[in-house]
Structures are given as C-alpha cells and as structure tokens.
Amino acid sequence: MKSTIAGSFFARMHQKFFDWRINREIFVRMFPHLQREKDHGYPFDSHEEMEAQTDELGVQALLDTVEEHIRNMPRGYGRAFRHIMHRDLHERFRRLEKVARRRVQPKNIDPRFVATRA
C-alpha cells in the first residue's frame, strides 16, 4: 500500500513539474518572444513563422524513418526497440494530453457557477 501511495505521489509530482515546464516555456519564453518583449532565441518572430516551423519539423516523416530502421534491425532487437519507443512516446503524449485537456475552454458553462456580482 505504501509503495502505491508513494508511486502515485511521485507520478502526480512528475506531472505537476511537466505542466509547470510546458506552461513556463509558453508563458515566460514563447509569448514574450512573440510579442517582442524579450528575445529568447527562438527562430521565429510571429505565430505564422512558428506554425511554418512546426510543420517543417516533420514528426510523422521522422517516425516513418525510425520504423523503417526498425524493420532493418535484427528481429528481437527491433521489436524491443519499437516497444521502448512507443512506450516512451505514449508516456510523453499522455502528459501532453493532460496539459492540453486543462487548457481547453468549456463548451457549455453552467450558469450556477457564473459570478453575478463583483
């Protein structure tokens, strides 16, 4: 029982640190850079340039290249490598999904929770 409690504590702390790191880069580095308040060395100066560079990263092409390399590896090593890669990517994407889910604006707002007076 103690290991489960400790494990869930460390998992929560790891997620909180991940959230903090993502939000810090967005709010403390990227937004001031895009608004030309500070230069944090990003290779883009506008949202449009950032989007263009994001598209140029070619993540899907890179994944396809790695999968091709895996097919050319010895069978056992390739299977193990592929499992580790997918496990690590799954963990990273799961954490990113949690951050993204918290940033989505609600579609329907319950009027009971809207302030009527300041």
PDB file of N, CA and C in Angstrom:
ATOM      1  N   MET A   1       0.818  -1.190   0.000  1.00  0.00           N
ATOM      2  CA  MET A   1       0.000   0.000   0.000  1.00  0.00           C
ATOM      3  C   MET A   1       0.867   1.260   0.000  1.00  0.00           C
ATOM      4  N   LYS A   2       1.953   1.241   0.809  1.00  0.00           N
ATOM      5  CA  LYS A   2       2.805   2.418   0.876  1.00  0.00           C
ATOM      6  C   LYS A   2       3.453   2.712  -0.472  1.00  0.00           C
ATOM      7  N   SER A   3       3.873   1.657  -1.184  1.00  0.00           N
ATOM      8  CA  SER A   3       4.522   1.890  -2.475  1.00  0.00           C
ATOM      9  C   SER A   3       3.536   2.477  -3.483  1.00  0.00           C
ATOM     10  N   THR A   4       2.258   2.092  -3.392  1.00  0.00           N
ATOM     11  CA  THR A   4       1.249   2.658  -4.287  1.00  0.00           C
ATOM     12  C   THR A   4       1.029   4.136  -3.983  1.00  0.00           C
ATOM     13  N   ILE A   5       0.957   4.473  -2.710  1.00  0.00           N
ATOM     14  CA  ILE A   5       0.779   5.869  -2.310  1.00  0.00           C
ATOM     15  C   ILE A   5       1.998   6.684  -2.731  1.00  0.00           C
ATOM     16  N   ALA A   6       3.191   6.148  -2.457  1.00  0.00           N
ATOM     17  CA  ALA A   6       4.413   6.858  -2.840  1.00  0.00           C
ATOM     18  C   ALA A   6       4.501   6.969  -4.354  1.00  0.00           C
ATOM     19  N   GLY A   7       4.149   5.899  -5.053  1.00  0.00           N
ATOM     20  CA  GLY A   7       4.190   5.917  -6.511  1.00  0.00           C
ATOM     21  C   GLY A   7       3.232   6.928  -7.094  1.00  0.00           C
ATOM     22  N   SER A   8       2.009   6.988  -6.549  1.00  0.00           N
ATOM     23  CA  SER A   8       1.048   7.951  -7.068  1.00  0.00           C
ATOM     24  C   SER A   8       1.471   9.374  -6.706  1.00  0.00           C
ATOM     25  N   PHE A   9       2.094   9.555  -5.544  1.00  0.00           N
ATOM     26  CA  PHE A   9       2.606  10.874  -5.169  1.00  0.00           C
ATOM     27  C   PHE A   9       3.660  11.335  -6.164  1.00  0.00           C
ATOM     28  N   PHE A  10       4.622  10.457  -6.448  1.00  0.00           N
ATOM     29  CA  PHE A  10       5.686  10.825  -7.375  1.00  0.00           C
ATOM     30  C   PHE A  10       5.156  11.008  -8.794  1.00  0.00           C
ATOM     31  N   ALA A  11       4.158  10.228  -9.191  1.00  0.00           N
ATOM     32  CA  ALA A  11       3.555  10.402 -10.513  1.00  0.00           C
ATOM     33  C   ALA A  11       2.870  11.755 -10.608  1.00  0.00           C
ATOM     34  N   ARG A  12       2.149  12.145  -9.545  1.00  0.00           N
ATOM     35  CA  ARG A  12       1.497  13.456  -9.530  1.00  0.00           C
ATOM     36  C   ARG A  12       2.517  14.583  -9.551  1.00  0.00           C
ATOM     37  N   MET A  13       3.585  14.436  -8.783  1.00  0.00           N
ATOM     38  CA  MET A  13       4.620  15.470  -8.750  1.00  0.00           C
ATOM     39  C   MET A  13       5.327  15.573 -10.104  1.00  0.00           C
ATOM     40  N   HIS A  14       5.562  14.449 -10.738  1.00  0.00           N
ATOM     41  CA  HIS A  14       6.193  14.448 -12.058  1.00  0.00           C
ATOM     42  C   HIS A  14       5.288  15.160 -13.067  1.00  0.00           C
ATOM     43  N   GLN A  15       3.981  14.891 -13.002  1.00  0.00           N
ATOM     44  CA  GLN A  15       3.031  15.551 -13.902  1.00  0.00           C
ATOM     45  C   GLN A  15       2.973  17.050 -13.615  1.00  0.00           C
ATOM     46  N   LYS A  16       2.981  17.431 -12.338  1.00  0.00           N
ATOM     47  CA  LYS A  16       2.953  18.853 -11.994  1.00  0.00           C
ATOM     48  C   LYS A  16       4.199  19.565 -12.510  1.00  0.00           C
ATOM     49  N   PHE A  17       5.351  18.922 -12.373  1.00  0.00           N
ATOM     50  CA  PHE A  17       6.587  19.507 -12.888  1.00  0.00           C
ATOM     51  C   PHE A  17       6.531  19.617 -14.411  1.00  0.00           C
ATOM     52  N   PHE A  18       5.991  18.597 -15.067  1.00  0.00           N
ATOM     53  CA  PHE A  18       5.837  18.628 -16.521  1.00  0.00           C
ATOM     54  C   PHE A  18       4.919  19.777 -16.927  1.00  0.00           C
ATOM     55  N   ASP A  19       3.769  19.921 -16.255  1.00  0.00           N
ATOM     56  CA  ASP A  19       2.845  21.025 -16.515  1.00  0.00           C
ATOM     57  C   ASP A  19       3.564  22.365 -16.347  1.00  0.00           C
ATOM     58  N   TRP A  20       4.269  22.499 -15.234  1.00  0.00           N
ATOM     59  CA  TRP A  20       4.978  23.740 -14.943  1.00  0.00           C
ATOM     60  C   TRP A  20       5.986  24.055 -16.049  1.00  0.00           C
ATOM     61  N   ARG A  21       6.735  23.055 -16.484  1.00  0.00           N
ATOM     62  CA  ARG A  21       7.763  23.264 -17.502  1.00  0.00           C
ATOM     63  C   ARG A  21       7.155  23.693 -18.835  1.00  0.00           C
ATOM     64  N   ILE A  22       6.059  23.033 -19.244  1.00  0.00           N
ATOM     65  CA  ILE A  22       5.385  23.389 -20.503  1.00  0.00           C
ATOM     66  C   ILE A  22       4.813  24.801 -20.406  1.00  0.00           C
ATOM     67  N   ASN A  23       4.077  25.076 -19.325  1.00  0.00           N
ATOM     68  CA  ASN A  23       3.462  26.389 -19.165  1.00  0.00           C
ATOM     69  C   ASN A  23       4.502  27.498 -19.010  1.00  0.00           C
ATOM     70  N   ARG A  24       5.627  27.201 -18.366  1.00  0.00           N
ATOM     71  CA  ARG A  24       6.686  28.198 -18.232  1.00  0.00           C
ATOM     72  C   ARG A  24       7.261  28.534 -19.606  1.00  0.00           C
ATOM     73  N   GLU A  25       7.501  27.528 -20.420  1.00  0.00           N
ATOM     74  CA  GLU A  25       8.035  27.828 -21.748  1.00  0.00           C
ATOM     75  C   GLU A  25       7.041  28.656 -22.556  1.00  0.00           C
ATOM     76  N   ILE A  26       5.765  28.326 -22.452  1.00  0.00           N
ATOM     77  CA  ILE A  26       4.753  29.071 -23.215  1.00  0.00           C
ATOM     78  C   ILE A  26       4.631  30.501 -22.696  1.00  0.00           C
ATOM     79  N   PHE A  27       4.378  30.667 -21.395  1.00  0.00           N
ATOM     80  CA  PHE A  27       4.064  31.983 -20.843  1.00  0.00           C
ATOM     81  C   PHE A  27       5.288  32.858 -20.575  1.00  0.00           C
ATOM     82  N   VAL A  28       6.410  32.260 -20.189  1.00  0.00           N
ATOM     83  CA  VAL A  28       7.579  33.043 -19.805  1.00  0.00           C
ATOM     84  C   VAL A  28       8.545  33.225 -20.968  1.00  0.00           C
ATOM     85  N   ARG A  29       8.570  32.289 -21.906  1.00  0.00           N
ATOM     86  CA  ARG A  29       9.534  32.384 -23.001  1.00  0.00           C
ATOM     87  C   ARG A  29       8.886  32.677 -24.355  1.00  0.00           C
ATOM     88  N   MET A  30       7.921  31.848 -24.773  1.00  0.00           N
ATOM     89  CA  MET A  30       7.375  31.987 -26.126  1.00  0.00           C
ATOM     90  C   MET A  30       6.511  33.240 -26.289  1.00  0.00           C
ATOM     91  N   PHE A  31       5.558  33.463 -25.388  1.00  0.00           N
ATOM     92  CA  PHE A  31       4.680  34.625 -25.531  1.00  0.00           C
ATOM     93  C   PHE A  31       5.460  35.942 -25.513  1.00  0.00           C
ATOM     94  N   PRO A  32       6.375  36.150 -24.533  1.00  0.00           N
ATOM     95  CA  PRO A  32       7.150  37.404 -24.588  1.00  0.00           C
ATOM     96  C   PRO A  32       7.997  37.512 -25.862  1.00  0.00           C
ATOM     97  N   HIS A  33       8.500  36.382 -26.344  1.00  0.00           N
ATOM     98  CA  HIS A  33       9.277  36.402 -27.584  1.00  0.00           C
ATOM     99  C   HIS A  33       8.392  36.812 -28.762  1.00  0.00           C
ATOM    100  N   LEU A  34       7.214  36.220 -28.860  1.00  0.00           N
ATOM    101  CA  LEU A  34       6.308  36.541 -29.965  1.00  0.00           C
ATOM    102  C   LEU A  34       5.781  37.974 -29.889  1.00  0.00           C
ATOM    103  N   GLN A  35       5.679  38.511 -28.687  1.00  0.00           N
ATOM    104  CA  GLN A  35       5.212  39.890 -28.523  1.00  0.00           C
ATOM    105  C   GLN A  35       6.370  40.885 -28.554  1.00  0.00           C
ATOM    106  N   ARG A  36       7.565  40.385 -28.846  1.00  0.00           N
ATOM    107  CA  ARG A  36       8.793  41.181 -28.963  1.00  0.00           C
ATOM    108  C   ARG A  36       9.136  41.943 -27.678  1.00  0.00           C
ATOM    109  N   GLU A  37       8.751  41.362 -26.538  1.00  0.00           N
ATOM    110  CA  GLU A  37       9.126  41.949 -25.256  1.00  0.00           C
ATOM    111  C   GLU A  37      10.521  41.486 -24.851  1.00  0.00           C
ATOM    112  N   LYS A  38      10.856  40.240 -25.211  1.00  0.00           N
ATOM    113  CA  LYS A  38      12.161  39.652 -24.912  1.00  0.00           C
ATOM    114  C   LYS A  38      12.563  38.792 -26.096  1.00  0.00           C
ATOM    115  N   ASP A  39      13.874  38.603 -26.246  1.00  0.00           N
ATOM    116  CA  ASP A  39      14.361  37.707 -27.292  1.00  0.00           C
ATOM    117  C   ASP A  39      14.914  36.457 -26.616  1.00  0.00           C
ATOM    118  N   HIS A  40      14.181  35.359 -26.747  1.00  0.00           N
ATOM    119  CA  HIS A  40      14.612  34.107 -26.138  1.00  0.00           C
ATOM    120  C   HIS A  40      15.288  33.186 -27.146  1.00  0.00           C
ATOM    121  N   GLY A  41      15.620  33.712 -28.307  1.00  0.00           N
ATOM    122  CA  GLY A  41      16.392  32.947 -29.274  1.00  0.00           C
ATOM    123  C   GLY A  41      15.609  31.966 -30.117  1.00  0.00           C
ATOM    124  N   TYR A  42      14.300  32.066 -30.102  1.00  0.00           N
ATOM    125  CA  TYR A  42      13.515  31.188 -30.975  1.00  0.00           C
ATOM    126  C   TYR A  42      13.737  31.613 -32.426  1.00  0.00           C
ATOM    127  N   PRO A  43      13.734  30.663 -33.361  1.00  0.00           N
ATOM    128  CA  PRO A  43      13.999  31.006 -34.767  1.00  0.00           C
ATOM    129  C   PRO A  43      12.775  31.543 -35.505  1.00  0.00           C
ATOM    130  N   PHE A  44      11.804  32.061 -34.797  1.00  0.00           N
ATOM    131  CA  PHE A  44      10.605  32.640 -35.405  1.00  0.00           C
ATOM    132  C   PHE A  44      10.247  33.920 -34.649  1.00  0.00           C
ATOM    133  N   ASP A  45       9.529  34.799 -35.333  1.00  0.00           N
ATOM    134  CA  ASP A  45       9.145  36.070 -34.728  1.00  0.00           C
ATOM    135  C   ASP A  45       7.640  36.310 -34.732  1.00  0.00           C
ATOM    136  N   SER A  46       6.876  35.424 -35.335  1.00  0.00           N
ATOM    137  CA  SER A  46       5.421  35.589 -35.388  1.00  0.00           C
ATOM    138  C   SER A  46       4.765  34.220 -35.261  1.00  0.00           C
ATOM    139  N   HIS A  47       3.471  34.255 -35.017  1.00  0.00           N
ATOM    140  CA  HIS A  47       2.719  32.997 -34.926  1.00  0.00           C
ATOM    141  C   HIS A  47       2.766  32.245 -36.249  1.00  0.00           C
ATOM    142  N   GLU A  48       2.715  32.974 -37.359  1.00  0.00           N
ATOM    143  CA  GLU A  48       2.738  32.337 -38.679  1.00  0.00           C
ATOM    144  C   GLU A  48       4.075  31.632 -38.914  1.00  0.00           C
ATOM    145  N   GLU A  49       5.184  32.302 -38.550  1.00  0.00           N
ATOM    146  CA  GLU A  49       6.502  31.676 -38.692  1.00  0.00           C
ATOM    147  C   GLU A  49       6.630  30.459 -37.781  1.00  0.00           C
ATOM    148  N   MET A  50       6.070  30.556 -36.574  1.00  0.00           N
ATOM    149  CA  MET A  50       6.104  29.431 -35.641  1.00  0.00           C
ATOM    150  C   MET A  50       5.337  28.244 -36.225  1.00  0.00           C
ATOM    151  N   GLU A  51       4.162  28.499 -36.798  1.00  0.00           N
ATOM    152  CA  GLU A  51       3.370  27.427 -37.420  1.00  0.00           C
ATOM    153  C   GLU A  51       4.123  26.803 -38.585  1.00  0.00           C
ATOM    154  N   ALA A  52       4.754  27.636 -39.409  1.00  0.00           N
ATOM    155  CA  ALA A  52       5.518  27.121 -40.551  1.00  0.00           C
ATOM    156  C   ALA A  52       6.664  26.236 -40.072  1.00  0.00           C
ATOM    157  N   GLN A  53       7.366  26.672 -39.021  1.00  0.00           N
ATOM    158  CA  GLN A  53       8.468  25.860 -38.489  1.00  0.00           C
ATOM    159  C   GLN A  53       7.950  24.573 -37.857  1.00  0.00           C
ATOM    160  N   THR A  54       6.783  24.652 -37.234  1.00  0.00           N
ATOM    161  CA  THR A  54       6.185  23.442 -36.656  1.00  0.00           C
ATOM    162  C   THR A  54       5.906  22.427 -37.753  1.00  0.00           C
ATOM    163  N   ASP A  55       5.360  22.894 -38.872  1.00  0.00           N
ATOM    164  CA  ASP A  55       5.092  21.997 -39.995  1.00  0.00           C
ATOM    165  C   ASP A  55       6.377  21.434 -40.587  1.00  0.00           C
ATOM    166  N   GLU A  56       7.460  22.208 -40.565  1.00  0.00           N
ATOM    167  CA  GLU A  56       8.737  21.759 -41.124  1.00  0.00           C
ATOM    168  C   GLU A  56       9.426  20.717 -40.253  1.00  0.00           C
ATOM    169  N   LEU A  57       9.011  20.590 -38.989  1.00  0.00           N
ATOM    170  CA  LEU A  57       9.660  19.614 -38.114  1.00  0.00           C
ATOM    171  C   LEU A  57       9.506  18.192 -38.644  1.00  0.00           C
ATOM    172  N   GLY A  58       8.428  17.915 -39.335  1.00  0.00           N
ATOM    173  CA  GLY A  58       8.246  16.618 -39.977  1.00  0.00           C
ATOM    174  C   GLY A  58       8.259  15.442 -39.021  1.00  0.00           C
ATOM    175  N   VAL A  59       7.474  15.546 -37.983  1.00  0.00           N
ATOM    176  CA  VAL A  59       7.454  14.492 -36.967  1.00  0.00           C
ATOM    177  C   VAL A  59       6.998  13.160 -37.563  1.00  0.00           C
ATOM    178  N   GLN A  60       5.961  13.183 -38.387  1.00  0.00           N
ATOM    179  CA  GLN A  60       5.465  11.931 -38.972  1.00  0.00           C
ATOM    180  C   GLN A  60       6.518  11.293 -39.876  1.00  0.00           C
ATOM    181  N   ALA A  61       7.213  12.100 -40.661  1.00  0.00           N
ATOM    182  CA  ALA A  61       8.268  11.571 -41.530  1.00  0.00           C
ATOM    183  C   ALA A  61       9.390  10.953 -40.698  1.00  0.00           C
ATOM    184  N   LEU A  62       9.717  11.585 -39.579  1.00  0.00           N
ATOM    185  CA  LEU A  62      10.753  11.047 -38.701  1.00  0.00           C
ATOM    186  C   LEU A  62      10.314   9.713 -38.100  1.00  0.00           C
ATOM    187  N   LEU A  63       9.063   9.634 -37.658  1.00  0.00           N
ATOM    188  CA  LEU A  63       8.546   8.363 -37.141  1.00  0.00           C
ATOM    189  C   LEU A  63       8.594   7.270 -38.208  1.00  0.00           C
ATOM    190  N   ASP A  64       8.221   7.619 -39.435  1.00  0.00           N
ATOM    191  CA  ASP A  64       8.270   6.647 -40.531  1.00  0.00           C
ATOM    192  C   ASP A  64       9.700   6.178 -40.786  1.00  0.00           C
ATOM    193  N   THR A  65      10.661   7.096 -40.696  1.00  0.00           N
ATOM    194  CA  THR A  65      12.068   6.738 -40.897  1.00  0.00           C
ATOM    195  C   THR A  65      12.546   5.790 -39.805  1.00  0.00           C
ATOM    196  N   VAL A  66      12.177   6.079 -38.564  1.00  0.00           N
ATOM    197  CA  VAL A  66      12.573   5.204 -37.455  1.00  0.00           C
ATOM    198  C   VAL A  66      11.944   3.823 -37.634  1.00  0.00           C
ATOM    199  N   GLU A  67      10.675   3.771 -38.025  1.00  0.00           N
ATOM    200  CA  GLU A  67      10.019   2.473 -38.258  1.00  0.00           C
ATOM    201  C   GLU A  67      10.728   1.693 -39.366  1.00  0.00           C
ATOM    202  N   GLU A  68      11.192   2.391 -40.382  1.00  0.00           N
ATOM    203  CA  GLU A  68      11.944   1.728 -41.463  1.00  0.00           C
ATOM    204  C   GLU A  68      13.248   1.157 -40.929  1.00  0.00           C
ATOM    205  N   HIS A  69      13.940   1.908 -40.078  1.00  0.00           N
ATOM    206  CA  HIS A  69      15.173   1.398 -39.469  1.00  0.00           C
ATOM    207  C   HIS A  69      14.881   0.168 -38.617  1.00  0.00           C
ATOM    208  N   ILE A  70      13.771   0.220 -37.883  1.00  0.00           N
ATOM    209  CA  ILE A  70      13.403  -0.914 -37.027  1.00  0.00           C
ATOM    210  C   ILE A  70      13.192  -2.167 -37.876  1.00  0.00           C
ATOM    211  N   ARG A  71      12.551  -2.010 -39.033  1.00  0.00           N
ATOM    212  CA  ARG A  71      12.327  -3.168 -39.909  1.00  0.00           C
ATOM    213  C   ARG A  71      13.642  -3.778 -40.400  1.00  0.00           C
ATOM    214  N   ASN A  72      14.704  -2.977 -40.432  1.00  0.00           N
ATOM    215  CA  ASN A  72      16.008  -3.461 -40.898  1.00  0.00           C
ATOM    216  C   ASN A  72      16.903  -3.939 -39.764  1.00  0.00           C
ATOM    217  N   MET A  73      16.446  -3.849 -38.537  1.00  0.00           N
ATOM    218  CA  MET A  73      17.211  -4.318 -37.376  1.00  0.00           C
ATOM    219  C   MET A  73      17.010  -5.825 -37.229  1.00  0.00           C
ATOM    220  N   PRO A  74      17.888  -6.469 -36.474  1.00  0.00           N
ATOM    221  CA  PRO A  74      17.608  -7.865 -36.120  1.00  0.00           C
ATOM    222  C   PRO A  74      16.242  -7.942 -35.428  1.00  0.00           C
ATOM    223  N   ARG A  75      15.501  -8.994 -35.690  1.00  0.00           N
ATOM    224  CA  ARG A  75      14.100  -9.081 -35.301  1.00  0.00           C
ATOM    225  C   ARG A  75      13.844  -8.815 -33.817  1.00  0.00           C
ATOM    226  N   GLY A  76      14.554  -9.496 -32.934  1.00  0.00           N
ATOM    227  CA  GLY A  76      14.337  -9.332 -31.491  1.00  0.00           C
ATOM    228  C   GLY A  76      14.687  -7.940 -31.016  1.00  0.00           C
ATOM    229  N   TYR A  77      15.820  -7.421 -31.497  1.00  0.00           N
ATOM    230  CA  TYR A  77      16.236  -6.079 -31.100  1.00  0.00           C
ATOM    231  C   TYR A  77      15.242  -5.037 -31.607  1.00  0.00           C
ATOM    232  N   GLY A  78      14.819  -5.203 -32.842  1.00  0.00           N
ATOM    233  CA  GLY A  78      13.869  -4.263 -33.437  1.00  0.00           C
ATOM    234  C   GLY A  78      12.547  -4.234 -32.691  1.00  0.00           C
ATOM    235  N   ARG A  79      12.060  -5.402 -32.305  1.00  0.00           N
ATOM    236  CA  ARG A  79      10.801  -5.462 -31.548  1.00  0.00           C
ATOM    237  C   ARG A  79      10.944  -4.764 -30.196  1.00  0.00           C
ATOM    238  N   ALA A  80      12.065  -5.032 -29.510  1.00  0.00           N
ATOM    239  CA  ALA A  80      12.295  -4.406 -28.207  1.00  0.00           C
ATOM    240  C   ALA A  80      12.459  -2.890 -28.363  1.00  0.00           C
ATOM    241  N   PHE A  81      13.207  -2.462 -29.379  1.00  0.00           N
ATOM    242  CA  PHE A  81      13.409  -1.042 -29.632  1.00  0.00           C
ATOM    243  C   PHE A  81      12.079  -0.347 -29.912  1.00  0.00           C
ATOM    244  N   ARG A  82      11.249  -0.988 -30.744  1.00  0.00           N
ATOM    245  CA  ARG A  82       9.951  -0.422 -31.097  1.00  0.00           C
ATOM    246  C   ARG A  82       9.051  -0.303 -29.860  1.00  0.00           C
ATOM    247  N   HIS A  83       9.076  -1.323 -29.008  1.00  0.00           N
ATOM    248  CA  HIS A  83       8.281  -1.280 -27.782  1.00  0.00           C
ATOM    249  C   HIS A  83       8.720  -0.111 -26.903  1.00  0.00           C
ATOM    250  N   ILE A  84      10.025   0.046 -26.695  1.00  0.00           N
ATOM    251  CA  ILE A  84      10.547   1.132 -25.863  1.00  0.00           C
ATOM    252  C   ILE A  84      10.174   2.480 -26.456  1.00  0.00           C
ATOM    253  N   MET A  85      10.320   2.625 -27.773  1.00  0.00           N
ATOM    254  CA  MET A  85       9.987   3.885 -28.434  1.00  0.00           C
ATOM    255  C   MET A  85       8.511   4.224 -28.242  1.00  0.00           C
ATOM    256  N   HIS A  86       7.635   3.258 -28.487  1.00  0.00           N
ATOM    257  CA  HIS A  86       6.196   3.507 -28.353  1.00  0.00           C
ATOM    258  C   HIS A  86       5.805   3.759 -26.895  1.00  0.00           C
ATOM    259  N   ARG A  87       6.430   3.045 -25.970  1.00  0.00           N
ATOM    260  CA  ARG A  87       6.158   3.267 -24.549  1.00  0.00           C
ATOM    261  C   ARG A  87       6.546   4.682 -24.146  1.00  0.00           C
ATOM    262  N   ASP A  88       7.731   5.121 -24.564  1.00  0.00           N
ATOM    263  CA  ASP A  88       8.192   6.466 -24.217  1.00  0.00           C
ATOM    264  C   ASP A  88       7.338   7.538 -24.879  1.00  0.00           C
ATOM    265  N   LEU A  89       6.988   7.349 -26.143  1.00  0.00           N
ATOM    266  CA  LEU A  89       6.133   8.308 -26.837  1.00  0.00           C
ATOM    267  C   LEU A  89       4.745   8.360 -26.201  1.00  0.00           C
ATOM    268  N   HIS A  90       4.220   7.197 -25.834  1.00  0.00           N
ATOM    269  CA  HIS A  90       2.906   7.149 -25.194  1.00  0.00           C
ATOM    270  C   HIS A  90       2.909   7.941 -23.900  1.00  0.00           C
ATOM    271  N   GLU A  91       3.946   7.770 -23.086  1.00  0.00           N
ATOM    272  CA  GLU A  91       4.039   8.484 -21.819  1.00  0.00           C
ATOM    273  C   GLU A  91       4.109   9.987 -22.053  1.00  0.00           C
ATOM    274  N   ARG A  92       4.916  10.395 -23.006  1.00  0.00           N
ATOM    275  CA  ARG A  92       5.054  11.827 -23.302  1.00  0.00           C
ATOM    276  C   ARG A  92       3.742  12.409 -23.827  1.00  0.00           C
ATOM    277  N   PHE A  93       3.111  11.712 -24.771  1.00  0.00           N
ATOM    278  CA  PHE A  93       1.845  12.192 -25.328  1.00  0.00           C
ATOM    279  C   PHE A  93       0.743  12.206 -24.275  1.00  0.00           C
ATOM    280  N   ARG A  94       0.739  11.237 -23.367  1.00  0.00           N
ATOM    281  CA  ARG A  94      -0.255  11.209 -22.302  1.00  0.00           C
ATOM    282  C   ARG A  94      -0.119  12.443 -21.418  1.00  0.00           C
ATOM    283  N   ARG A  95       1.115  12.810 -21.090  1.00  0.00           N
ATOM    284  CA  ARG A  95       1.346  14.001 -20.264  1.00  0.00           C
ATOM    285  C   ARG A  95       0.956  15.272 -21.004  1.00  0.00           C
ATOM    286  N   LEU A  96       1.280  15.338 -22.291  1.00  0.00           N
ATOM    287  CA  LEU A  96       0.885  16.498 -23.084  1.00  0.00           C
ATOM    288  C   LEU A  96      -0.639  16.597 -23.187  1.00  0.00           C
ATOM    289  N   GLU A  97      -1.298  15.446 -23.309  1.00  0.00           N
ATOM    290  CA  GLU A  97      -2.762  15.443 -23.392  1.00  0.00           C
ATOM    291  C   GLU A  97      -3.373  15.970 -22.105  1.00  0.00           C
ATOM    292  N   LYS A  98      -2.794  15.632 -20.961  1.00  0.00           N
ATOM    293  CA  LYS A  98      -3.313  16.126 -19.682  1.00  0.00           C
ATOM    294  C   LYS A  98      -3.179  17.641 -19.594  1.00  0.00           C
ATOM    295  N   VAL A  99      -2.043  18.185 -20.030  1.00  0.00           N
ATOM    296  CA  VAL A  99      -1.860  19.635 -20.024  1.00  0.00           C
ATOM    297  C   VAL A  99      -2.861  20.280 -20.975  1.00  0.00           C
ATOM    298  N   ALA A 100      -3.006  19.714 -22.168  1.00  0.00           N
ATOM    299  CA  ALA A 100      -3.915  20.271 -23.169  1.00  0.00           C
ATOM    300  C   ALA A 100      -5.357  20.225 -22.686  1.00  0.00           C
ATOM    301  N   ARG A 101      -5.755  19.131 -22.060  1.00  0.00           N
ATOM    302  CA  ARG A 101      -7.138  18.986 -21.584  1.00  0.00           C
ATOM    303  C   ARG A 101      -7.493  20.078 -20.585  1.00  0.00           C
ATOM    304  N   ARG A 102      -6.548  20.454 -19.728  1.00  0.00           N
ATOM    305  CA  ARG A 102      -6.817  21.501 -18.737  1.00  0.00           C
ATOM    306  C   ARG A 102      -6.916  22.880 -19.367  1.00  0.00           C
ATOM    307  N   ARG A 103      -6.374  23.063 -20.562  1.00  0.00           N
ATOM    308  CA  ARG A 103      -6.382  24.368 -21.222  1.00  0.00           C
ATOM    309  C   ARG A 103      -7.564  24.551 -22.171  1.00  0.00           C
ATOM    310  N   VAL A 104      -8.361  23.520 -22.392  1.00  0.00           N
ATOM    311  CA  VAL A 104      -9.500  23.620 -23.299  1.00  0.00           C
ATOM    312  C   VAL A 104     -10.619  24.387 -22.611  1.00  0.00           C
ATOM    313  N   GLN A 105     -11.184  25.361 -23.315  1.00  0.00           N
ATOM    314  CA  GLN A 105     -12.299  26.127 -22.777  1.00  0.00           C
ATOM    315  C   GLN A 105     -13.557  25.259 -22.801  1.00  0.00           C
ATOM    316  N   PRO A 106     -14.375  25.319 -21.743  1.00  0.00           N
ATOM    317  CA  PRO A 106     -15.593  24.509 -21.728  1.00  0.00           C
ATOM    318  C   PRO A 106     -16.574  24.967 -22.808  1.00  0.00           C
ATOM    319  N   LYS A 107     -17.263  24.000 -23.420  1.00  0.00           N
ATOM    320  CA  LYS A 107     -18.244  24.331 -24.455  1.00  0.00           C
ATOM    321  C   LYS A 107     -19.522  24.890 -23.845  1.00  0.00           C
ATOM    322  N   ASN A 108     -19.910  24.320 -22.724  1.00  0.00           N
ATOM    323  CA  ASN A 108     -21.120  24.779 -22.035  1.00  0.00           C
ATOM    324  C   ASN A 108     -20.739  25.235 -20.635  1.00  0.00           C
ATOM    325  N   ILE A 109     -21.208  26.399 -20.273  1.00  0.00           N
ATOM    326  CA  ILE A 109     -20.908  26.922 -18.947  1.00  0.00           C
ATOM    327  C   ILE A 109     -22.167  26.822 -18.094  1.00  0.00           C
ATOM    328  N   ASP A 110     -22.032  26.211 -16.949  1.00  0.00           N
ATOM    329  CA  ASP A 110     -23.148  26.087 -16.024  1.00  0.00           C
ATOM    330  C   ASP A 110     -23.395  27.448 -15.383  1.00  0.00           C
ATOM    331  N   PRO A 111     -24.576  28.041 -15.581  1.00  0.00           N
ATOM    332  CA  PRO A 111     -24.840  29.384 -15.055  1.00  0.00           C
ATOM    333  C   PRO A 111     -24.770  29.463 -13.538  1.00  0.00           C
ATOM    334  N   ARG A 112     -24.857  28.338 -12.847  1.00  0.00           N
ATOM    335  CA  ARG A 112     -24.766  28.373 -11.387  1.00  0.00           C
ATOM    336  C   ARG A 112     -23.376  28.793 -10.921  1.00  0.00           C
ATOM    337  N   PHE A 113     -22.370  28.622 -11.797  1.00  0.00           N
ATOM    338  CA  PHE A 113     -21.003  28.935 -11.408  1.00  0.00           C
ATOM    339  C   PHE A 113     -20.497  30.259 -11.991  1.00  0.00           C
ATOM    340  N   VAL A 114     -21.395  31.046 -12.563  1.00  0.00           N
ATOM    341  CA  VAL A 114     -21.021  32.343 -13.123  1.00  0.00           C
ATOM    342  C   VAL A 114     -21.292  33.416 -12.077  1.00  0.00           C
ATOM    343  N   ALA A 115     -20.301  34.253 -11.825  1.00  0.00           N
ATOM    344  CA  ALA A 115     -20.466  35.319 -10.847  1.00  0.00           C
ATOM    345  C   ALA A 115     -21.475  36.354 -11.359  1.00  0.00           C
ATOM    346  N   THR A 116     -22.385  36.731 -10.514  1.00  0.00           N
ATOM    347  CA  THR A 116     -23.386  37.728 -10.909  1.00  0.00           C
ATOM    348  C   THR A 116     -23.057  39.099 -10.337  1.00  0.00           C
ATOM    349  N   ARG A 117     -22.165  39.145  -9.332  1.00  0.00           N
ATOM    350  CA  ARG A 117     -21.750  40.418  -8.728  1.00  0.00           C
ATOM    351  C   ARG A 117     -20.241  40.381  -8.529  1.00  0.00           C
ATOM    352  N   ALA A 118     -19.659  41.544  -8.606  1.00  0.00           N
ATOM    353  CA  ALA A 118     -18.205  41.629  -8.430  1.00  0.00           C
ATOM    354  C   ALA A 118     -17.856  41.925  -7.003  1.00  0.00           C
TER     355      ALA A 118
END
